Amino acid sequence: MQAHTSLKHLLLPFLICILLSSITEAQVYEQTYQNLANKYNYTFWNSNFKTSSVSAREFTVQASDYNLKVNYSNLTISNFEVNLDTLSAEEALGRSDADLFPVPNTGDIQYRILQNNAVLHEKAASPTNQGIKITQIAEFGTWFTKRVIDSLNFTNSPSLYGSYSGIEFTSWHNRIKMTLYIRPRVTILNGQLELEIDMPNLYSTIHSAGQIYGFSDLLDRGFAVKGGLTSDSTLVSAGVITTRSTMQDLVAGSLYEVSLIFYPVKEALSTNFVTAFDDGNNFNITPYQTLPNSNVNATVSFSQDEGLYYIDVPRYTMGQYNCSTADLLQNIQLDIENTSNSDQRIRMCFRQVPSINVTGFSSMLRNRSGDPLGIPIQISKNWHAGFPMLHSG
């Protein structure tokens, strides 16, 4: 396939089959398009046409595989459920809050900073700003959203960089990652981060395999959960899953994180919760830049926590304020090999580092013949660096 791109972020998950000897390239693209045609991932504050008579201090992640509603004021979970609907993306957009959440299925979010295995700072009674709703939307679009609730309040008033410290909700239509970020202003010796999610009582049956867990309802549906790469231990007790980072000195000015990754499982969770995760680094990706020259090339890396391949493409001075290069075309050809013995989903993000103003750019995915694939591309204009924040610039 070919991709024309000059953006910091293009986010495009799609399915590729391993049995390429028995399936044509056109069939791969058609199956990819059909597989994603009615996948959606919306996020919104609850003060709009969907949420009549609902508190404005809540936000929702409405995805084709799950739904999550978070109370901003208390930083608690109002609802967190597997989505069993088979609606189109358009039909789902029109669903009201009452349709999405006919009954509450509540849970809780707790966060802590530990020192020598003891709590040094933890979630305050009023964890968030009671005036303006402080949040960062770092990514927003068809496939991928990333919302950060920053400037969180702790007990005992730790010295932190507020705009770099908070809870991030990173969502795709079939996975969500909750991450606690901390950037201390003073060094905390022998420190750890701890993130804890009290799951709704609906998912009362617990399954485990090492430090991978499944939370299922009475019909064996629910969520597979594990800690991220920085998790040193992840444990479950009485429906509460807690993950801790490795003990280390939390050095002033450095950024630290710990996360929990959730995958919705719509059937047979008890047998599928270990294999639900699609972050196995099962692909070989080889990029070839053919335009504007072949002297430089893109590089590929994999983020297991994000389940995402990053394609870092060479940067050129194009776009707004660069009229002399308005006709410049960048063409990157990708060879993608599925190294497993089964169909796999792949998520890819094309980006330029350092970031660039993308105004005036147009990008598309094309096949070998140069025809557009019709697979939507999410464009994230995330280059602003005027205020220091977790994802600025």
Protein backbone atom coordinates (compact mmCIF):
# COMPACT_ATOMS: atom_id res chain seq x y z
CA MET A 1 0.00 0.00 0.00
CA GLN A 2 1.05 3.61 -0.37
CA ALA A 3 0.45 6.45 2.05
CA HIS A 4 0.82 10.12 1.25
CA THR A 5 1.46 11.99 4.45
CA SER A 6 3.05 15.08 5.91
CA LEU A 7 1.21 15.17 9.22
CA LYS A 8 2.32 14.74 12.79
CA HIS A 9 -0.41 12.17 13.47
CA LEU A 10 -2.52 10.04 11.17
CA LEU A 11 -4.29 7.28 13.04
CA LEU A 12 -5.68 4.35 11.11
CA PRO A 13 -6.36 0.87 12.52
CA PHE A 14 -7.23 -1.88 10.08
CA LEU A 15 -7.26 -5.66 9.67
CA ILE A 16 -4.75 -7.55 7.53
CA CYS A 17 -5.01 -11.27 6.73
CA ILE A 18 -2.03 -13.61 6.91
CA LEU A 19 -3.29 -15.95 4.14
CA LEU A 20 -2.33 -13.60 1.34
CA SER A 21 -1.77 -16.53 -1.02
CA SER A 22 -5.51 -17.26 -0.99
CA ILE A 23 -6.89 -13.74 -0.83
CA THR A 24 -6.41 -10.87 -3.25
CA GLU A 25 -5.16 -7.42 -2.32
CA ALA A 26 -8.55 -5.97 -3.27
CA GLN A 27 -10.29 -8.44 -0.93
CA VAL A 28 -7.99 -7.43 1.92
CA TYR A 29 -8.93 -3.78 1.47
CA GLU A 30 -12.64 -4.59 1.08
CA GLN A 31 -12.67 -6.72 4.22
CA THR A 32 -10.77 -3.99 6.04
CA TYR A 33 -13.31 -1.37 5.04
CA GLN A 34 -16.29 -3.56 5.96
CA ASN A 35 -14.70 -4.54 9.28
CA LEU A 36 -14.43 -0.89 10.31
CA ALA A 37 -17.46 0.59 8.56
CA ASN A 38 -19.55 0.83 11.72
CA LYS A 39 -16.87 1.09 14.35
CA TYR A 40 -17.07 4.35 16.28
CA ASN A 41 -15.44 6.09 19.21
CA TYR A 42 -17.16 9.26 20.44
CA THR A 43 -16.32 11.33 23.49
CA PHE A 44 -18.24 14.32 24.79
CA TRP A 45 -19.10 16.37 27.85
CA ASN A 46 -22.61 15.62 29.09
CA SER A 47 -24.10 18.99 28.23
CA ASN A 48 -25.45 18.48 24.71
CA PHE A 49 -28.36 17.09 22.70
CA LYS A 50 -27.60 13.52 23.87
CA THR A 51 -27.66 14.30 27.58
CA SER A 52 -30.83 16.21 28.45
CA SER A 53 -31.28 16.53 32.24
CA VAL A 54 -27.83 15.02 32.85
CA SER A 55 -25.15 16.70 34.93
CA ALA A 56 -22.75 18.73 32.79
CA ARG A 57 -19.87 17.68 35.03
CA GLU A 58 -19.67 14.22 33.51
CA PHE A 59 -18.09 13.03 30.28
CA THR A 60 -18.79 9.94 28.21
CA VAL A 61 -16.76 7.66 25.97
CA GLN A 62 -19.28 5.98 23.63
CA ALA A 63 -17.57 3.28 21.58
CA SER A 64 -18.89 0.45 19.45
CA ASP A 65 -17.57 -2.15 21.94
CA TYR A 66 -18.08 -0.40 25.32
CA ASN A 67 -19.48 2.68 27.04
CA LEU A 68 -17.91 4.66 29.88
CA LYS A 69 -19.28 7.64 31.81
CA VAL A 70 -17.06 9.44 34.32
CA ASN A 71 -18.16 11.92 37.00
CA TYR A 72 -15.65 14.74 36.72
CA SER A 73 -16.41 16.30 40.10
CA ASN A 74 -15.75 13.15 42.13
CA LEU A 75 -13.60 11.36 39.54
CA THR A 76 -15.76 8.26 39.87
CA ILE A 77 -17.28 5.88 37.34
CA SER A 78 -20.99 6.41 36.73
CA ASN A 79 -21.18 3.61 34.14
CA PHE A 80 -18.72 1.21 32.53
CA GLU A 81 -20.25 -1.52 30.37
CA VAL A 82 -19.70 -3.71 27.34
CA ASN A 83 -21.73 -2.38 24.42
CA LEU A 84 -23.79 -5.14 22.76
CA ASP A 85 -25.56 -2.87 20.25
CA THR A 86 -25.25 -3.53 16.53
CA LEU A 87 -26.09 0.01 15.46
CA SER A 88 -24.43 1.89 12.66
CA ALA A 89 -22.09 4.73 13.58
CA GLU A 90 -24.79 7.23 12.57
CA GLU A 91 -27.52 5.50 14.60
CA ALA A 92 -25.24 5.30 17.64
CA LEU A 93 -24.48 9.01 17.49
CA GLY A 94 -28.18 9.75 17.96
CA ARG A 95 -28.56 7.67 21.12
CA SER A 96 -29.41 9.65 24.25
CA ASP A 97 -27.81 9.25 27.65
CA ALA A 98 -30.96 7.48 28.87
CA ASP A 99 -30.62 4.94 26.04
CA LEU A 100 -26.91 4.42 26.62
CA PHE A 101 -27.18 4.11 30.40
CA PRO A 102 -30.66 3.00 31.48
CA VAL A 103 -29.35 2.00 34.92
CA PRO A 104 -26.21 3.07 36.80
CA ASN A 105 -23.29 0.64 37.01
CA THR A 106 -20.95 2.56 39.24
CA GLY A 107 -17.29 2.19 40.14
CA ASP A 108 -14.44 4.26 41.47
CA ILE A 109 -11.04 5.62 40.47
CA GLN A 110 -8.31 5.98 43.10
CA TYR A 111 -4.77 7.26 42.64
CA ARG A 112 -1.83 7.47 45.02
CA ILE A 113 1.84 8.34 45.37
CA LEU A 114 3.67 5.91 47.63
CA GLN A 115 6.98 6.16 49.46
CA ASN A 116 8.63 3.06 50.91
CA ASN A 117 5.40 1.12 50.18
CA ALA A 118 3.29 3.50 52.29
CA VAL A 119 0.80 6.10 51.07
CA LEU A 120 2.41 9.54 50.85
CA HIS A 121 -0.31 11.32 48.84
CA GLU A 122 -3.67 10.05 47.61
CA LYS A 123 -6.86 11.21 45.94
CA ALA A 124 -8.34 14.18 47.79
CA ALA A 125 -11.98 14.41 48.83
CA SER A 126 -12.45 16.98 46.05
CA PRO A 127 -10.10 15.60 43.39
CA THR A 128 -10.82 18.03 40.54
CA ASN A 129 -11.29 21.73 39.93
CA GLN A 130 -14.76 22.76 41.08
CA GLY A 131 -14.91 25.72 38.68
CA ILE A 132 -13.69 25.31 35.13
CA LYS A 133 -13.53 21.69 33.98
CA ILE A 134 -9.79 21.30 33.37
CA THR A 135 -9.07 18.74 30.65
CA GLN A 136 -6.74 18.22 27.71
CA ILE A 137 -7.96 16.64 24.48
CA ALA A 138 -4.71 15.55 22.84
CA GLU A 139 -6.29 13.35 20.15
CA PHE A 140 -9.83 13.41 18.84
CA GLY A 141 -11.34 11.73 15.79
CA THR A 142 -12.71 8.66 14.08
CA TRP A 143 -10.40 6.10 15.64
CA PHE A 144 -8.60 7.47 18.63
CA THR A 145 -9.34 9.86 21.50
CA LYS A 146 -7.10 10.89 24.34
CA ARG A 147 -8.51 12.96 27.22
CA VAL A 148 -6.38 14.03 30.19
CA ILE A 149 -7.97 15.17 33.45
CA ASP A 150 -5.03 17.13 34.80
CA SER A 151 -4.25 19.29 37.84
CA LEU A 152 -5.67 16.64 40.16
CA ASN A 153 -5.85 17.27 43.89
CA PHE A 154 -4.00 15.04 46.39
CA THR A 155 -3.92 14.86 50.15
CA ASN A 156 -0.95 16.54 51.83
CA SER A 157 -0.42 18.90 48.87
CA PRO A 158 2.44 17.35 46.90
CA SER A 159 4.62 19.64 44.81
CA LEU A 160 3.72 18.65 41.23
CA TYR A 161 3.56 20.15 37.76
CA GLY A 162 -0.24 20.21 37.54
CA SER A 163 -0.60 20.28 33.74
CA TYR A 164 1.63 17.17 33.52
CA SER A 165 -0.08 15.26 36.35
CA GLY A 166 -3.45 13.59 35.98
CA ILE A 167 -5.53 10.69 34.71
CA GLU A 168 -5.53 10.03 30.97
CA PHE A 169 -8.28 8.10 29.16
CA THR A 170 -6.90 6.72 25.87
CA SER A 171 -9.71 5.11 23.90
CA TRP A 172 -10.17 3.17 20.68
CA HIS A 173 -13.42 1.50 19.71
CA ASN A 174 -12.25 -1.82 21.25
CA ARG A 175 -9.82 -0.89 24.04
CA ILE A 176 -9.32 1.80 26.66
CA LYS A 177 -6.25 2.61 28.71
CA MET A 178 -6.40 4.59 31.96
CA THR A 179 -3.07 6.11 32.95
CA LEU A 180 -1.88 8.02 36.02
CA TYR A 181 0.82 10.56 35.14
CA ILE A 182 2.95 12.38 37.72
CA ARG A 183 5.70 14.97 37.22
CA PRO A 184 7.11 16.00 40.64
CA ARG A 185 8.76 19.36 41.32
CA VAL A 186 10.86 17.83 44.11
CA THR A 187 12.39 14.36 44.18
CA ILE A 188 10.46 11.65 46.03
CA LEU A 189 12.83 8.96 47.26
CA ASN A 190 11.73 5.32 46.94
CA GLY A 191 8.50 6.38 45.29
CA GLN A 192 5.79 4.51 43.39
CA LEU A 193 2.58 5.37 41.57
CA GLU A 194 -0.60 3.43 42.24
CA LEU A 195 -3.78 3.39 40.16
CA GLU A 196 -6.88 1.56 41.36
CA ILE A 197 -10.19 0.91 39.59
CA ASP A 198 -13.21 -0.40 41.49
CA MET A 199 -15.16 -2.22 38.78
CA PRO A 200 -18.97 -2.05 38.65
CA ASN A 201 -20.72 -4.83 40.58
CA LEU A 202 -22.23 -6.01 37.30
CA TYR A 203 -18.88 -7.74 36.62
CA SER A 204 -18.72 -9.76 39.80
CA THR A 205 -16.97 -12.92 38.56
CA ILE A 206 -13.17 -12.70 38.51
CA HIS A 207 -10.84 -14.78 36.35
CA SER A 208 -7.07 -14.63 36.52
CA ALA A 209 -3.98 -15.94 34.75
CA GLY A 210 -0.84 -14.50 36.30
CA GLN A 211 -1.36 -10.72 36.28
CA ILE A 212 -4.02 -10.76 33.55
CA TYR A 213 -7.61 -10.61 34.80
CA GLY A 214 -11.15 -10.99 33.52
CA PHE A 215 -14.22 -9.33 35.04
CA SER A 216 -17.40 -11.02 33.79
CA ASP A 217 -21.15 -10.73 34.29
CA LEU A 218 -23.57 -13.64 34.68
CA LEU A 219 -23.54 -14.21 30.89
CA ASP A 220 -19.73 -14.41 30.73
CA ARG A 221 -19.27 -10.97 29.17
CA GLY A 222 -17.08 -8.19 30.49
CA PHE A 223 -13.54 -6.85 30.42
CA ALA A 224 -10.06 -8.32 30.17
CA VAL A 225 -7.60 -6.17 32.12
CA LYS A 226 -3.85 -5.98 32.63
CA GLY A 227 -1.27 -3.48 33.80
CA GLY A 228 0.85 -1.49 31.37
CA LEU A 229 4.59 -1.83 30.82
CA THR A 230 5.51 0.29 33.84
CA SER A 231 3.38 -1.85 36.18
CA ASP A 232 5.48 -3.81 38.66
CA SER A 233 2.47 -5.59 40.18
CA THR A 234 -1.22 -5.81 39.30
CA LEU A 235 -3.60 -7.44 41.78
CA VAL A 236 -7.34 -7.91 42.20
CA SER A 237 -9.26 -8.05 45.45
CA ALA A 238 -13.05 -7.96 45.87
CA GLY A 239 -13.67 -6.49 42.43
CA VAL A 240 -10.94 -3.84 42.72
CA ILE A 241 -7.91 -3.96 40.41
CA THR A 242 -4.77 -2.16 41.58
CA THR A 243 -1.53 -1.63 39.72
CA ARG A 244 1.76 -0.21 41.07
CA SER A 245 4.84 1.02 39.32
CA THR A 246 8.33 -0.14 40.24
CA MET A 247 9.83 1.50 43.34
CA GLN A 248 12.36 4.14 42.31
CA ASP A 249 13.35 7.71 43.05
CA LEU A 250 10.78 9.95 41.38
CA VAL A 251 13.21 12.61 40.20
CA ALA A 252 12.12 16.24 40.08
CA GLY A 253 11.15 17.33 36.57
CA SER A 254 10.81 13.79 35.21
CA LEU A 255 7.54 12.24 34.05
CA TYR A 256 6.25 8.94 35.49
CA GLU A 257 3.22 6.82 34.69
CA VAL A 258 1.34 3.64 35.50
CA SER A 259 -1.65 2.32 33.60
CA LEU A 260 -4.42 -0.26 33.31
CA ILE A 261 -5.55 -1.53 29.90
CA PHE A 262 -9.11 -2.76 29.36
CA TYR A 263 -10.46 -4.83 26.46
CA PRO A 264 -14.22 -5.49 26.20
CA VAL A 265 -15.09 -9.16 25.59
CA LYS A 266 -18.63 -9.79 24.34
CA GLU A 267 -18.78 -13.56 24.80
CA ALA A 268 -16.98 -16.43 26.53
CA LEU A 269 -14.77 -14.13 28.59
CA SER A 270 -13.75 -16.97 30.88
CA THR A 271 -11.92 -18.66 27.99
CA ASN A 272 -10.92 -15.57 25.98
CA PHE A 273 -9.71 -13.00 28.50
CA VAL A 274 -6.03 -13.94 28.15
CA THR A 275 -6.08 -13.80 24.34
CA ALA A 276 -8.23 -10.66 24.05
CA PHE A 277 -5.25 -8.30 23.87
CA ASP A 278 -4.15 -7.35 20.35
CA ASP A 279 -0.85 -5.72 21.30
CA GLY A 280 1.48 -8.59 20.47
CA ASN A 281 3.77 -6.82 17.97
CA ASN A 282 2.83 -9.33 15.25
CA PHE A 283 3.85 -7.29 12.20
CA ASN A 284 6.94 -6.50 10.21
CA ILE A 285 6.56 -3.07 8.61
CA THR A 286 9.04 -1.90 5.99
CA PRO A 287 8.65 1.69 4.73
CA TYR A 288 10.07 3.02 1.45
CA GLN A 289 9.93 6.73 0.67
CA THR A 290 9.71 7.34 -3.09
CA LEU A 291 8.83 11.06 -3.15
CA PRO A 292 10.08 13.78 -2.95
CA ASN A 293 13.24 11.65 -2.86
CA SER A 294 14.47 8.27 -1.70
CA ASN A 295 17.50 9.57 0.20
CA VAL A 296 15.77 9.40 3.58
CA ASN A 297 13.24 6.97 4.95
CA ALA A 298 10.65 6.56 7.68
CA THR A 299 11.40 4.60 10.86
CA VAL A 300 9.06 2.19 12.66
CA SER A 301 8.60 1.59 16.39
CA PHE A 302 5.98 -0.23 18.45
CA SER A 303 4.26 0.92 21.65
CA GLN A 304 2.82 -2.08 23.48
CA ASP A 305 0.91 0.08 25.96
CA GLU A 306 -0.85 1.80 23.05
CA GLY A 307 -1.01 -1.34 20.88
CA LEU A 308 0.23 0.99 18.16
CA TYR A 309 2.92 1.16 15.49
CA TYR A 310 4.48 4.60 15.04
CA ILE A 311 5.75 5.46 11.57
CA ASP A 312 8.05 8.48 11.97
CA VAL A 313 8.21 10.07 8.53
CA PRO A 314 10.83 12.56 7.32
CA ARG A 315 9.77 16.16 7.79
CA TYR A 316 9.65 18.74 5.01
CA THR A 317 8.79 22.43 5.14
CA MET A 318 5.36 22.39 3.57
CA GLY A 319 1.88 23.69 4.23
CA GLN A 320 0.86 27.05 5.59
CA TYR A 321 3.30 29.94 4.95
CA ASN A 322 5.34 27.77 2.56
CA CYS A 323 3.70 28.52 -0.78
CA SER A 324 6.80 27.65 -2.78
CA THR A 325 6.38 23.99 -1.80
CA ALA A 326 2.59 23.87 -2.20
CA ASP A 327 2.86 21.19 -4.87
CA LEU A 328 5.36 19.02 -2.98
CA LEU A 329 4.21 15.40 -2.72
CA GLN A 330 5.49 12.94 -0.13
CA ASN A 331 4.93 9.29 -0.96
CA ILE A 332 5.71 6.47 1.48
CA GLN A 333 5.22 2.87 0.40
CA LEU A 334 4.64 0.30 3.15
CA ASP A 335 5.18 -3.45 3.09
CA ILE A 336 3.27 -5.00 6.03
CA GLU A 337 3.75 -8.65 6.98
CA ASN A 338 1.58 -10.44 9.54
CA THR A 339 4.00 -12.80 11.30
CA SER A 340 1.31 -14.71 13.24
CA ASN A 341 -0.85 -17.60 12.02
CA SER A 342 -4.18 -15.79 12.34
CA ASP A 343 -5.91 -12.61 11.20
CA GLN A 344 -4.74 -9.60 13.17
CA ARG A 345 -5.77 -5.98 13.65
CA ILE A 346 -3.05 -3.38 13.21
CA ARG A 347 -3.05 0.21 14.44
CA MET A 348 -0.65 2.68 12.85
CA CYS A 349 0.16 6.31 13.50
CA PHE A 350 2.11 8.36 10.96
CA ARG A 351 3.81 11.31 12.60
CA GLN A 352 6.46 13.93 12.12
CA VAL A 353 8.78 14.76 15.00
CA PRO A 354 9.21 17.59 15.75
CA SER A 355 5.62 18.41 14.94
CA ILE A 356 4.57 20.72 12.14
CA ASN A 357 1.64 22.98 11.26
CA VAL A 358 -0.45 20.75 8.98
CA THR A 359 -2.79 23.44 7.63
CA GLY A 360 -3.23 22.99 3.89
CA PHE A 361 -2.17 19.35 3.79
CA SER A 362 -4.17 16.50 2.25
CA SER A 363 -3.41 12.86 2.98
CA MET A 364 -4.77 9.51 1.87
CA LEU A 365 -4.11 5.79 1.90
CA ARG A 366 -3.74 4.29 -1.57
CA ASN A 367 -3.22 0.82 -2.96
CA ARG A 368 -0.29 -0.24 -5.14
CA SER A 369 -2.07 1.06 -8.22
CA GLY A 370 -2.51 4.49 -6.70
CA ASP A 371 -6.25 4.21 -6.08
CA PRO A 372 -7.63 5.52 -2.76
CA LEU A 373 -8.55 2.74 -0.32
CA GLY A 374 -11.51 4.59 1.18
CA ILE A 375 -10.27 3.90 4.73
CA PRO A 376 -10.72 7.08 6.82
CA ILE A 377 -7.63 8.80 8.20
CA GLN A 378 -7.73 10.67 11.49
CA ILE A 379 -5.80 13.92 11.33
CA SER A 380 -4.57 15.28 14.66
CA LYS A 381 -3.44 18.90 14.47
CA ASN A 382 -1.42 18.61 17.65
CA TRP A 383 1.47 21.00 17.15
CA HIS A 384 0.67 23.81 19.58
CA ALA A 385 3.41 24.40 22.14
CA GLY A 386 2.52 27.77 23.62
CA PHE A 387 1.61 26.36 27.05
CA PRO A 388 3.51 23.54 28.80
CA MET A 389 1.19 20.55 29.00
CA LEU A 390 1.45 16.77 28.87
CA HIS A 391 0.92 16.54 25.11
CA SER A 392 1.80 20.05 23.92
CA GLY A 393 3.90 20.39 20.77
